All heavy atoms as atom14 arrays in JSON, in Angstrom:
{
  "sequence": "TKGTEGVLHGAKSRLLQTPDGQIMPSHSVAPGLDYPGVGPEHVHLET",
  "atom14_mask": [
    [1, 1, 1, 1, 1, 1, 1, 0, 0, 0, 0, 0, 0, 0],
    [1, 1, 1, 1, 1, 1, 1, 1, 1, 0, 0, 0, 0, 0],
    [1, 1, 1, 1, 0, 0, 0, 0, 0, 0, 0, 0, 0, 0],
    [1, 1, 1, 1, 1, 1, 1, 0, 0, 0, 0, 0, 0, 0],
    [1, 1, 1, 1, 1, 1, 1, 1, 1, 0, 0, 0, 0, 0],
    [1, 1, 1, 1, 0, 0, 0, 0, 0, 0, 0, 0, 0, 0],
    [1, 1, 1, 1, 1, 1, 1, 0, 0, 0, 0, 0, 0, 0],
    [1, 1, 1, 1, 1, 1, 1, 1, 0, 0, 0, 0, 0, 0],
    [1, 1, 1, 1, 1, 1, 1, 1, 1, 1, 0, 0, 0, 0],
    [1, 1, 1, 1, 0, 0, 0, 0, 0, 0, 0, 0, 0, 0],
    [1, 1, 1, 1, 1, 0, 0, 0, 0, 0, 0, 0, 0, 0],
    [1, 1, 1, 1, 1, 1, 1, 1, 1, 0, 0, 0, 0, 0],
    [1, 1, 1, 1, 1, 1, 0, 0, 0, 0, 0, 0, 0, 0],
    [1, 1, 1, 1, 1, 1, 1, 1, 1, 1, 1, 0, 0, 0],
    [1, 1, 1, 1, 1, 1, 1, 1, 0, 0, 0, 0, 0, 0],
    [1, 1, 1, 1, 1, 1, 1, 1, 0, 0, 0, 0, 0, 0],
    [1, 1, 1, 1, 1, 1, 1, 1, 1, 0, 0, 0, 0, 0],
    [1, 1, 1, 1, 1, 1, 1, 0, 0, 0, 0, 0, 0, 0],
    [1, 1, 1, 1, 1, 1, 1, 0, 0, 0, 0, 0, 0, 0],
    [1, 1, 1, 1, 1, 1, 1, 1, 0, 0, 0, 0, 0, 0],
    [1, 1, 1, 1, 0, 0, 0, 0, 0, 0, 0, 0, 0, 0],
    [1, 1, 1, 1, 1, 1, 1, 1, 1, 0, 0, 0, 0, 0],
    [1, 1, 1, 1, 1, 1, 1, 1, 0, 0, 0, 0, 0, 0],
    [1, 1, 1, 1, 1, 1, 1, 1, 0, 0, 0, 0, 0, 0],
    [1, 1, 1, 1, 1, 1, 1, 0, 0, 0, 0, 0, 0, 0],
    [1, 1, 1, 1, 1, 1, 0, 0, 0, 0, 0, 0, 0, 0],
    [1, 1, 1, 1, 1, 1, 1, 1, 1, 1, 0, 0, 0, 0],
    [1, 1, 1, 1, 1, 1, 0, 0, 0, 0, 0, 0, 0, 0],
    [1, 1, 1, 1, 1, 1, 1, 0, 0, 0, 0, 0, 0, 0],
    [1, 1, 1, 1, 1, 0, 0, 0, 0, 0, 0, 0, 0, 0],
    [1, 1, 1, 1, 1, 1, 1, 0, 0, 0, 0, 0, 0, 0],
    [1, 1, 1, 1, 0, 0, 0, 0, 0, 0, 0, 0, 0, 0],
    [1, 1, 1, 1, 1, 1, 1, 1, 0, 0, 0, 0, 0, 0],
    [1, 1, 1, 1, 1, 1, 1, 1, 0, 0, 0, 0, 0, 0],
    [1, 1, 1, 1, 1, 1, 1, 1, 1, 1, 1, 1, 0, 0],
    [1, 1, 1, 1, 1, 1, 1, 0, 0, 0, 0, 0, 0, 0],
    [1, 1, 1, 1, 0, 0, 0, 0, 0, 0, 0, 0, 0, 0],
    [1, 1, 1, 1, 1, 1, 1, 0, 0, 0, 0, 0, 0, 0],
    [1, 1, 1, 1, 0, 0, 0, 0, 0, 0, 0, 0, 0, 0],
    [1, 1, 1, 1, 1, 1, 1, 0, 0, 0, 0, 0, 0, 0],
    [1, 1, 1, 1, 1, 1, 1, 1, 1, 0, 0, 0, 0, 0],
    [1, 1, 1, 1, 1, 1, 1, 1, 1, 1, 0, 0, 0, 0],
    [1, 1, 1, 1, 1, 1, 1, 0, 0, 0, 0, 0, 0, 0],
    [1, 1, 1, 1, 1, 1, 1, 1, 1, 1, 0, 0, 0, 0],
    [1, 1, 1, 1, 1, 1, 1, 1, 0, 0, 0, 0, 0, 0],
    [1, 1, 1, 1, 1, 1, 1, 1, 1, 0, 0, 0, 0, 0],
    [1, 1, 1, 1, 1, 1, 1, 0, 0, 0, 0, 0, 0, 0]
  ],
  "atom14_positions": [
    [[83.56, 58.29, 99.81], [83.41, 57.48, 98.61], [84.1, 56.13, 98.7], [83.73, 55.2, 97.99], [83.94, 58.25, 97.38], [85.29, 58.67, 97.63], [83.1, 59.48, 97.12], [0.0, 0.0, 0.0], [0.0, 0.0, 0.0], [0.0, 0.0, 0.0], [0.0, 0.0, 0.0], [0.0, 0.0, 0.0], [0.0, 0.0, 0.0], [0.0, 0.0, 0.0]],
    [[85.1, 56.0, 99.58], [85.85, 54.75, 99.65], [85.98, 54.19, 101.06], [86.6, 53.14, 101.25], [87.25, 54.95, 99.06], [87.23, 55.37, 97.58], [88.63, 55.53, 97.03], [88.59, 55.95, 95.55], [89.95, 56.1, 94.98], [0.0, 0.0, 0.0], [0.0, 0.0, 0.0], [0.0, 0.0, 0.0], [0.0, 0.0, 0.0], [0.0, 0.0, 0.0]],
    [[85.39, 54.85, 102.06], [85.5, 54.4, 103.43], [84.36, 53.5, 103.86], [83.45, 53.2, 103.08], [0.0, 0.0, 0.0], [0.0, 0.0, 0.0], [0.0, 0.0, 0.0], [0.0, 0.0, 0.0], [0.0, 0.0, 0.0], [0.0, 0.0, 0.0], [0.0, 0.0, 0.0], [0.0, 0.0, 0.0], [0.0, 0.0, 0.0], [0.0, 0.0, 0.0]],
    [[84.4, 53.07, 105.1], [83.36, 52.22, 105.69], [82.92, 52.8, 107.02], [83.62, 53.61, 107.64], [83.88, 50.78, 105.89], [85.08, 50.82, 106.68], [84.16, 50.11, 104.56], [0.0, 0.0, 0.0], [0.0, 0.0, 0.0], [0.0, 0.0, 0.0], [0.0, 0.0, 0.0], [0.0, 0.0, 0.0], [0.0, 0.0, 0.0], [0.0, 0.0, 0.0]],
    [[81.76, 52.38, 107.48], [81.16, 52.94, 108.69], [81.97, 52.58, 109.93], [82.41, 51.44, 110.09], [79.74, 52.4, 108.81], [78.9, 53.06, 109.87], [77.46, 52.58, 109.82], [76.84, 52.66, 108.73], [76.96, 52.1, 110.85], [0.0, 0.0, 0.0], [0.0, 0.0, 0.0], [0.0, 0.0, 0.0], [0.0, 0.0, 0.0], [0.0, 0.0, 0.0]],
    [[82.17, 53.56, 110.8], [82.9, 53.32, 112.03], [82.88, 54.55, 112.92], [82.17, 55.52, 112.65], [0.0, 0.0, 0.0], [0.0, 0.0, 0.0], [0.0, 0.0, 0.0], [0.0, 0.0, 0.0], [0.0, 0.0, 0.0], [0.0, 0.0, 0.0], [0.0, 0.0, 0.0], [0.0, 0.0, 0.0], [0.0, 0.0, 0.0], [0.0, 0.0, 0.0]],
    [[83.68, 54.53, 113.97], [83.74, 55.62, 114.93], [85.16, 56.15, 115.0], [86.12, 55.39, 115.14], [83.28, 55.16, 116.34], [83.5, 56.27, 117.36], [81.81, 54.76, 116.31], [0.0, 0.0, 0.0], [0.0, 0.0, 0.0], [0.0, 0.0, 0.0], [0.0, 0.0, 0.0], [0.0, 0.0, 0.0], [0.0, 0.0, 0.0], [0.0, 0.0, 0.0]],
    [[85.29, 57.47, 114.89], [86.59, 58.12, 115.0], [86.39, 59.46, 115.71], [85.47, 60.21, 115.38], [87.22, 58.36, 113.62], [88.57, 59.09, 113.61], [89.65, 58.28, 114.31], [88.99, 59.41, 112.17], [0.0, 0.0, 0.0], [0.0, 0.0, 0.0], [0.0, 0.0, 0.0], [0.0, 0.0, 0.0], [0.0, 0.0, 0.0], [0.0, 0.0, 0.0]],
    [[87.25, 59.74, 116.67], [87.23, 61.02, 117.4], [85.84, 61.37, 117.91], [85.38, 62.5, 117.81], [87.79, 62.14, 116.51], [89.24, 61.97, 116.19], [89.79, 62.27, 114.96], [90.28, 61.48, 116.94], [91.08, 62.0, 114.98], [91.39, 61.51, 116.17], [0.0, 0.0, 0.0], [0.0, 0.0, 0.0], [0.0, 0.0, 0.0], [0.0, 0.0, 0.0]],
    [[85.15, 60.35, 118.44], [83.92, 60.6, 119.16], [82.66, 60.65, 118.37], [81.59, 60.98, 118.91], [0.0, 0.0, 0.0], [0.0, 0.0, 0.0], [0.0, 0.0, 0.0], [0.0, 0.0, 0.0], [0.0, 0.0, 0.0], [0.0, 0.0, 0.0], [0.0, 0.0, 0.0], [0.0, 0.0, 0.0], [0.0, 0.0, 0.0], [0.0, 0.0, 0.0]],
    [[82.68, 60.32, 117.08], [81.47, 60.36, 116.26], [81.44, 59.18, 115.29], [82.47, 58.7, 114.82], [81.39, 61.67, 115.48], [0.0, 0.0, 0.0], [0.0, 0.0, 0.0], [0.0, 0.0, 0.0], [0.0, 0.0, 0.0], [0.0, 0.0, 0.0], [0.0, 0.0, 0.0], [0.0, 0.0, 0.0], [0.0, 0.0, 0.0], [0.0, 0.0, 0.0]],
    [[80.23, 58.74, 115.0], [80.02, 57.69, 114.01], [79.97, 58.31, 112.62], [79.21, 59.24, 112.37], [78.71, 56.95, 114.3], [78.43, 55.77, 113.39], [77.11, 55.11, 113.79], [76.77, 53.94, 112.89], [75.46, 53.35, 113.26], [0.0, 0.0, 0.0], [0.0, 0.0, 0.0], [0.0, 0.0, 0.0], [0.0, 0.0, 0.0], [0.0, 0.0, 0.0]],
    [[80.81, 57.79, 111.72], [80.9, 58.38, 110.4], [81.39, 57.33, 109.42], [81.17, 56.14, 109.64], [81.85, 59.59, 110.44], [81.88, 60.26, 109.2], [0.0, 0.0, 0.0], [0.0, 0.0, 0.0], [0.0, 0.0, 0.0], [0.0, 0.0, 0.0], [0.0, 0.0, 0.0], [0.0, 0.0, 0.0], [0.0, 0.0, 0.0], [0.0, 0.0, 0.0]],
    [[82.03, 57.75, 108.34], [82.74, 56.83, 107.45], [84.23, 57.1, 107.57], [84.66, 58.25, 107.59], [82.29, 56.99, 106.0], [81.0, 56.26, 105.71], [80.77, 56.07, 104.23], [79.37, 55.71, 103.99], [78.66, 56.14, 102.98], [79.19, 56.94, 102.09], [77.41, 55.77, 102.83], [0.0, 0.0, 0.0], [0.0, 0.0, 0.0], [0.0, 0.0, 0.0]],
    [[84.99, 56.01, 107.61], [86.42, 56.11, 107.89], [87.22, 55.28, 106.9], [86.7, 54.36, 106.26], [86.73, 55.58, 109.3], [85.74, 55.87, 110.42], [86.17, 55.11, 111.66], [85.68, 57.36, 110.67], [0.0, 0.0, 0.0], [0.0, 0.0, 0.0], [0.0, 0.0, 0.0], [0.0, 0.0, 0.0], [0.0, 0.0, 0.0], [0.0, 0.0, 0.0]],
    [[88.51, 55.59, 106.85], [89.45, 54.73, 106.15], [90.01, 53.77, 107.2], [90.78, 54.18, 108.07], [90.57, 55.57, 105.53], [90.11, 56.67, 104.57], [91.32, 57.44, 104.03], [89.28, 56.09, 103.43], [0.0, 0.0, 0.0], [0.0, 0.0, 0.0], [0.0, 0.0, 0.0], [0.0, 0.0, 0.0], [0.0, 0.0, 0.0], [0.0, 0.0, 0.0]],
    [[89.58, 52.51, 107.13], [89.96, 51.54, 108.17], [90.1, 50.15, 107.57], [89.56, 49.84, 106.51], [88.91, 51.53, 109.28], [87.51, 51.19, 108.8], [86.47, 51.29, 109.91], [86.77, 51.26, 111.08], [85.21, 51.42, 109.52], [0.0, 0.0, 0.0], [0.0, 0.0, 0.0], [0.0, 0.0, 0.0], [0.0, 0.0, 0.0], [0.0, 0.0, 0.0]],
    [[90.85, 49.32, 108.28], [91.0, 47.93, 107.87], [89.73, 47.17, 108.24], [88.89, 47.67, 108.99], [92.2, 47.31, 108.6], [91.92, 47.31, 110.01], [93.47, 48.09, 108.33], [0.0, 0.0, 0.0], [0.0, 0.0, 0.0], [0.0, 0.0, 0.0], [0.0, 0.0, 0.0], [0.0, 0.0, 0.0], [0.0, 0.0, 0.0], [0.0, 0.0, 0.0]],
    [[89.56, 45.92, 107.74], [88.37, 45.15, 108.09], [88.18, 44.92, 109.58], [87.06, 44.76, 110.05], [88.6, 43.82, 107.35], [89.43, 44.19, 106.16], [90.34, 45.27, 106.66], [0.0, 0.0, 0.0], [0.0, 0.0, 0.0], [0.0, 0.0, 0.0], [0.0, 0.0, 0.0], [0.0, 0.0, 0.0], [0.0, 0.0, 0.0], [0.0, 0.0, 0.0]],
    [[89.28, 44.96, 110.36], [89.15, 44.77, 111.8], [89.13, 46.1, 112.56], [89.31, 46.13, 113.78], [90.24, 43.86, 112.34], [91.65, 44.39, 112.07], [91.77, 45.41, 111.36], [92.61, 43.78, 112.57], [0.0, 0.0, 0.0], [0.0, 0.0, 0.0], [0.0, 0.0, 0.0], [0.0, 0.0, 0.0], [0.0, 0.0, 0.0], [0.0, 0.0, 0.0]],
    [[88.94, 47.22, 111.83], [88.7, 48.5, 112.49], [89.91, 49.34, 112.81], [89.79, 50.34, 113.52], [0.0, 0.0, 0.0], [0.0, 0.0, 0.0], [0.0, 0.0, 0.0], [0.0, 0.0, 0.0], [0.0, 0.0, 0.0], [0.0, 0.0, 0.0], [0.0, 0.0, 0.0], [0.0, 0.0, 0.0], [0.0, 0.0, 0.0], [0.0, 0.0, 0.0]],
    [[91.08, 48.99, 112.3], [92.27, 49.81, 112.53], [92.31, 50.96, 111.52], [92.1, 50.74, 110.32], [93.54, 48.96, 112.39], [93.63, 47.83, 113.41], [93.63, 48.35, 114.84], [94.41, 49.21, 115.21], [92.72, 47.82, 115.65], [0.0, 0.0, 0.0], [0.0, 0.0, 0.0], [0.0, 0.0, 0.0], [0.0, 0.0, 0.0], [0.0, 0.0, 0.0]],
    [[92.55, 52.17, 112.01], [92.56, 53.34, 111.13], [93.74, 53.25, 110.17], [94.89, 53.02, 110.59], [92.63, 54.65, 111.93], [91.43, 54.75, 112.88], [92.66, 55.86, 111.0], [90.09, 54.71, 112.19], [0.0, 0.0, 0.0], [0.0, 0.0, 0.0], [0.0, 0.0, 0.0], [0.0, 0.0, 0.0], [0.0, 0.0, 0.0], [0.0, 0.0, 0.0]],
    [[93.45, 53.45, 108.89], [94.48, 53.37, 107.86], [95.13, 54.73, 107.65], [94.52, 55.77, 107.91], [93.87, 52.88, 106.54], [93.31, 51.47, 106.6], [92.45, 51.02, 105.07], [93.79, 51.14, 103.88], [0.0, 0.0, 0.0], [0.0, 0.0, 0.0], [0.0, 0.0, 0.0], [0.0, 0.0, 0.0], [0.0, 0.0, 0.0], [0.0, 0.0, 0.0]],
    [[96.37, 54.76, 107.16], [97.0, 56.04, 106.82], [96.22, 56.73, 105.7], [95.68, 56.08, 104.81], [98.4, 55.64, 106.34], [98.63, 54.27, 106.9], [97.28, 53.62, 106.94], [0.0, 0.0, 0.0], [0.0, 0.0, 0.0], [0.0, 0.0, 0.0], [0.0, 0.0, 0.0], [0.0, 0.0, 0.0], [0.0, 0.0, 0.0], [0.0, 0.0, 0.0]],
    [[96.15, 58.04, 105.77], [95.52, 58.81, 104.7], [96.59, 59.61, 103.98], [97.7, 59.78, 104.48], [94.45, 59.75, 105.27], [95.01, 60.62, 106.24], [0.0, 0.0, 0.0], [0.0, 0.0, 0.0], [0.0, 0.0, 0.0], [0.0, 0.0, 0.0], [0.0, 0.0, 0.0], [0.0, 0.0, 0.0], [0.0, 0.0, 0.0], [0.0, 0.0, 0.0]],
    [[96.25, 60.12, 102.8], [97.2, 60.94, 102.05], [96.45, 61.9, 101.15], [95.44, 61.57, 100.54], [98.12, 60.09, 101.17], [98.8, 60.93, 100.11], [99.87, 61.76, 100.4], [98.51, 61.13, 98.8], [100.22, 62.4, 99.3], [99.42, 62.03, 98.32], [0.0, 0.0, 0.0], [0.0, 0.0, 0.0], [0.0, 0.0, 0.0], [0.0, 0.0, 0.0]],
    [[96.99, 63.11, 101.06], [96.62, 64.06, 100.02], [97.77, 65.03, 99.85], [98.48, 65.34, 100.82], [95.35, 64.83, 100.38], [95.1, 65.87, 99.44], [0.0, 0.0, 0.0], [0.0, 0.0, 0.0], [0.0, 0.0, 0.0], [0.0, 0.0, 0.0], [0.0, 0.0, 0.0], [0.0, 0.0, 0.0], [0.0, 0.0, 0.0], [0.0, 0.0, 0.0]],
    [[97.96, 65.51, 98.64], [98.95, 66.57, 98.42], [98.54, 67.83, 99.18], [99.39, 68.67, 99.48], [99.11, 66.85, 96.91], [97.87, 67.55, 96.34], [100.37, 67.67, 96.63], [0.0, 0.0, 0.0], [0.0, 0.0, 0.0], [0.0, 0.0, 0.0], [0.0, 0.0, 0.0], [0.0, 0.0, 0.0], [0.0, 0.0, 0.0], [0.0, 0.0, 0.0]],
    [[97.25, 67.94, 99.51], [96.73, 69.06, 100.29], [96.69, 68.66, 101.77], [95.88, 67.81, 102.15], [95.34, 69.45, 99.8], [0.0, 0.0, 0.0], [0.0, 0.0, 0.0], [0.0, 0.0, 0.0], [0.0, 0.0, 0.0], [0.0, 0.0, 0.0], [0.0, 0.0, 0.0], [0.0, 0.0, 0.0], [0.0, 0.0, 0.0], [0.0, 0.0, 0.0]],
    [[97.5, 69.25, 102.61], [97.55, 68.83, 104.02], [96.22, 68.91, 104.74], [95.92, 68.1, 105.6], [98.58, 69.78, 104.64], [99.46, 70.2, 103.51], [98.55, 70.26, 102.32], [0.0, 0.0, 0.0], [0.0, 0.0, 0.0], [0.0, 0.0, 0.0], [0.0, 0.0, 0.0], [0.0, 0.0, 0.0], [0.0, 0.0, 0.0], [0.0, 0.0, 0.0]],
    [[95.39, 69.89, 104.4], [94.11, 70.05, 105.07], [93.09, 68.99, 104.73], [92.04, 68.89, 105.39], [0.0, 0.0, 0.0], [0.0, 0.0, 0.0], [0.0, 0.0, 0.0], [0.0, 0.0, 0.0], [0.0, 0.0, 0.0], [0.0, 0.0, 0.0], [0.0, 0.0, 0.0], [0.0, 0.0, 0.0], [0.0, 0.0, 0.0], [0.0, 0.0, 0.0]],
    [[93.33, 68.19, 103.71], [92.44, 67.08, 103.35], [92.96, 65.74, 103.84], [92.3, 64.71, 103.68], [92.23, 67.02, 101.83], [91.68, 68.27, 101.16], [91.45, 68.02, 99.67], [90.38, 68.73, 101.81], [0.0, 0.0, 0.0], [0.0, 0.0, 0.0], [0.0, 0.0, 0.0], [0.0, 0.0, 0.0], [0.0, 0.0, 0.0], [0.0, 0.0, 0.0]],
    [[94.12, 65.75, 104.46], [94.81, 64.52, 104.86], [94.25, 64.04, 106.2], [94.88, 64.19, 107.25], [96.31, 64.8, 104.95], [97.14, 63.53, 105.03], [96.54, 62.46, 105.22], [98.37, 63.63, 104.91], [0.0, 0.0, 0.0], [0.0, 0.0, 0.0], [0.0, 0.0, 0.0], [0.0, 0.0, 0.0], [0.0, 0.0, 0.0], [0.0, 0.0, 0.0]],
    [[93.06, 63.45, 106.16], [92.36, 63.02, 107.37], [91.55, 61.77, 107.03], [90.89, 61.72, 105.97], [91.43, 64.15, 107.85], [90.67, 63.85, 109.12], [91.32, 63.73, 110.34], [89.28, 63.74, 109.1], [90.62, 63.48, 111.51], [88.57, 63.49, 110.27], [89.23, 63.37, 111.47], [88.53, 63.12, 112.62], [0.0, 0.0, 0.0], [0.0, 0.0, 0.0]],
    [[91.56, 60.73, 107.87], [90.93, 59.46, 107.52], [89.43, 59.37, 107.84], [88.86, 58.29, 107.81], [91.72, 58.44, 108.35], [92.08, 59.21, 109.58], [92.36, 60.61, 109.11], [0.0, 0.0, 0.0], [0.0, 0.0, 0.0], [0.0, 0.0, 0.0], [0.0, 0.0, 0.0], [0.0, 0.0, 0.0], [0.0, 0.0, 0.0], [0.0, 0.0, 0.0]],
    [[88.81, 60.49, 108.17], [87.37, 60.51, 108.46], [86.73, 61.72, 107.84], [87.34, 62.45, 107.04], [0.0, 0.0, 0.0], [0.0, 0.0, 0.0], [0.0, 0.0, 0.0], [0.0, 0.0, 0.0], [0.0, 0.0, 0.0], [0.0, 0.0, 0.0], [0.0, 0.0, 0.0], [0.0, 0.0, 0.0], [0.0, 0.0, 0.0], [0.0, 0.0, 0.0]],
    [[85.47, 61.98, 108.2], [84.72, 63.1, 107.63], [83.58, 63.43, 108.57], [83.14, 62.59, 109.37], [84.19, 62.74, 106.23], [83.14, 61.64, 106.29], [83.66, 63.96, 105.49], [0.0, 0.0, 0.0], [0.0, 0.0, 0.0], [0.0, 0.0, 0.0], [0.0, 0.0, 0.0], [0.0, 0.0, 0.0], [0.0, 0.0, 0.0], [0.0, 0.0, 0.0]],
    [[83.08, 64.65, 108.51], [81.97, 65.06, 109.35], [80.73, 64.21, 109.12], [80.39, 63.89, 107.98], [0.0, 0.0, 0.0], [0.0, 0.0, 0.0], [0.0, 0.0, 0.0], [0.0, 0.0, 0.0], [0.0, 0.0, 0.0], [0.0, 0.0, 0.0], [0.0, 0.0, 0.0], [0.0, 0.0, 0.0], [0.0, 0.0, 0.0], [0.0, 0.0, 0.0]],
    [[80.02, 63.84, 110.2], [78.87, 62.94, 110.06], [77.73, 63.51, 109.23], [77.01, 62.75, 108.57], [78.43, 62.7, 111.51], [78.99, 63.86, 112.28], [80.28, 64.2, 111.6], [0.0, 0.0, 0.0], [0.0, 0.0, 0.0], [0.0, 0.0, 0.0], [0.0, 0.0, 0.0], [0.0, 0.0, 0.0], [0.0, 0.0, 0.0], [0.0, 0.0, 0.0]],
    [[77.55, 64.82, 109.22], [76.46, 65.38, 108.41], [76.7, 65.16, 106.93], [75.76, 64.98, 106.15], [76.26, 66.86, 108.72], [75.0, 67.43, 108.07], [74.61, 68.8, 108.58], [75.38, 69.4, 109.36], [73.52, 69.27, 108.2], [0.0, 0.0, 0.0], [0.0, 0.0, 0.0], [0.0, 0.0, 0.0], [0.0, 0.0, 0.0], [0.0, 0.0, 0.0]],
    [[77.96, 65.16, 106.51], [78.25, 64.88, 105.1], [77.84, 63.47, 104.71], [77.29, 63.24, 103.63], [79.74, 65.09, 104.82], [80.14, 66.52, 104.67], [79.71, 67.31, 103.62], [80.92, 67.31, 105.44], [80.22, 68.52, 103.74], [80.94, 68.56, 104.84], [0.0, 0.0, 0.0], [0.0, 0.0, 0.0], [0.0, 0.0, 0.0], [0.0, 0.0, 0.0]],
    [[78.12, 62.51, 105.59], [77.73, 61.14, 105.29], [76.21, 61.03, 105.18], [75.67, 60.34, 104.3], [78.27, 60.16, 106.35], [78.0, 58.72, 105.92], [79.76, 60.36, 106.56], [0.0, 0.0, 0.0], [0.0, 0.0, 0.0], [0.0, 0.0, 0.0], [0.0, 0.0, 0.0], [0.0, 0.0, 0.0], [0.0, 0.0, 0.0], [0.0, 0.0, 0.0]],
    [[75.5, 61.73, 106.06], [74.04, 61.75, 105.99], [73.56, 62.37, 104.68], [72.62, 61.86, 104.05], [73.47, 62.53, 107.18], [72.01, 62.76, 107.1], [71.08, 61.73, 107.05], [71.28, 63.92, 107.03], [69.86, 62.24, 106.97], [69.96, 63.56, 106.94], [0.0, 0.0, 0.0], [0.0, 0.0, 0.0], [0.0, 0.0, 0.0], [0.0, 0.0, 0.0]],
    [[74.19, 63.46, 104.24], [73.78, 64.1, 102.99], [74.01, 63.16, 101.81], [73.24, 63.14, 100.85], [74.54, 65.41, 102.78], [74.19, 66.55, 103.74], [75.07, 67.77, 103.46], [72.72, 66.92, 103.66], [0.0, 0.0, 0.0], [0.0, 0.0, 0.0], [0.0, 0.0, 0.0], [0.0, 0.0, 0.0], [0.0, 0.0, 0.0], [0.0, 0.0, 0.0]],
    [[75.08, 62.37, 101.89], [75.35, 61.41, 100.81], [74.34, 60.26, 100.83], [73.78, 59.89, 99.8], [76.78, 60.87, 100.94], [77.28, 60.13, 99.71], [76.93, 58.65, 99.74], [76.64, 58.11, 100.83], [76.96, 58.02, 98.66], [0.0, 0.0, 0.0], [0.0, 0.0, 0.0], [0.0, 0.0, 0.0], [0.0, 0.0, 0.0], [0.0, 0.0, 0.0]],
    [[74.08, 59.69, 102.0], [73.17, 58.55, 102.08], [71.73, 58.96, 101.78], [70.95, 58.16, 101.25], [73.24, 57.89, 103.47], [72.96, 58.86, 104.48], [74.61, 57.29, 103.72], [0.0, 0.0, 0.0], [0.0, 0.0, 0.0], [0.0, 0.0, 0.0], [0.0, 0.0, 0.0], [0.0, 0.0, 0.0], [0.0, 0.0, 0.0], [0.0, 0.0, 0.0]]
  ]
}
């Protein structure tokens, strides 16, 4: 919902990144959600 298109850990997806492509820190009170990317199929389902 707030990321931009890019490549992380070998796949093209949406990421939390700066305008020049540097991965930004992520945060969640839930450790299992604390990741700056997401599975590519989810992005496809959204688009």
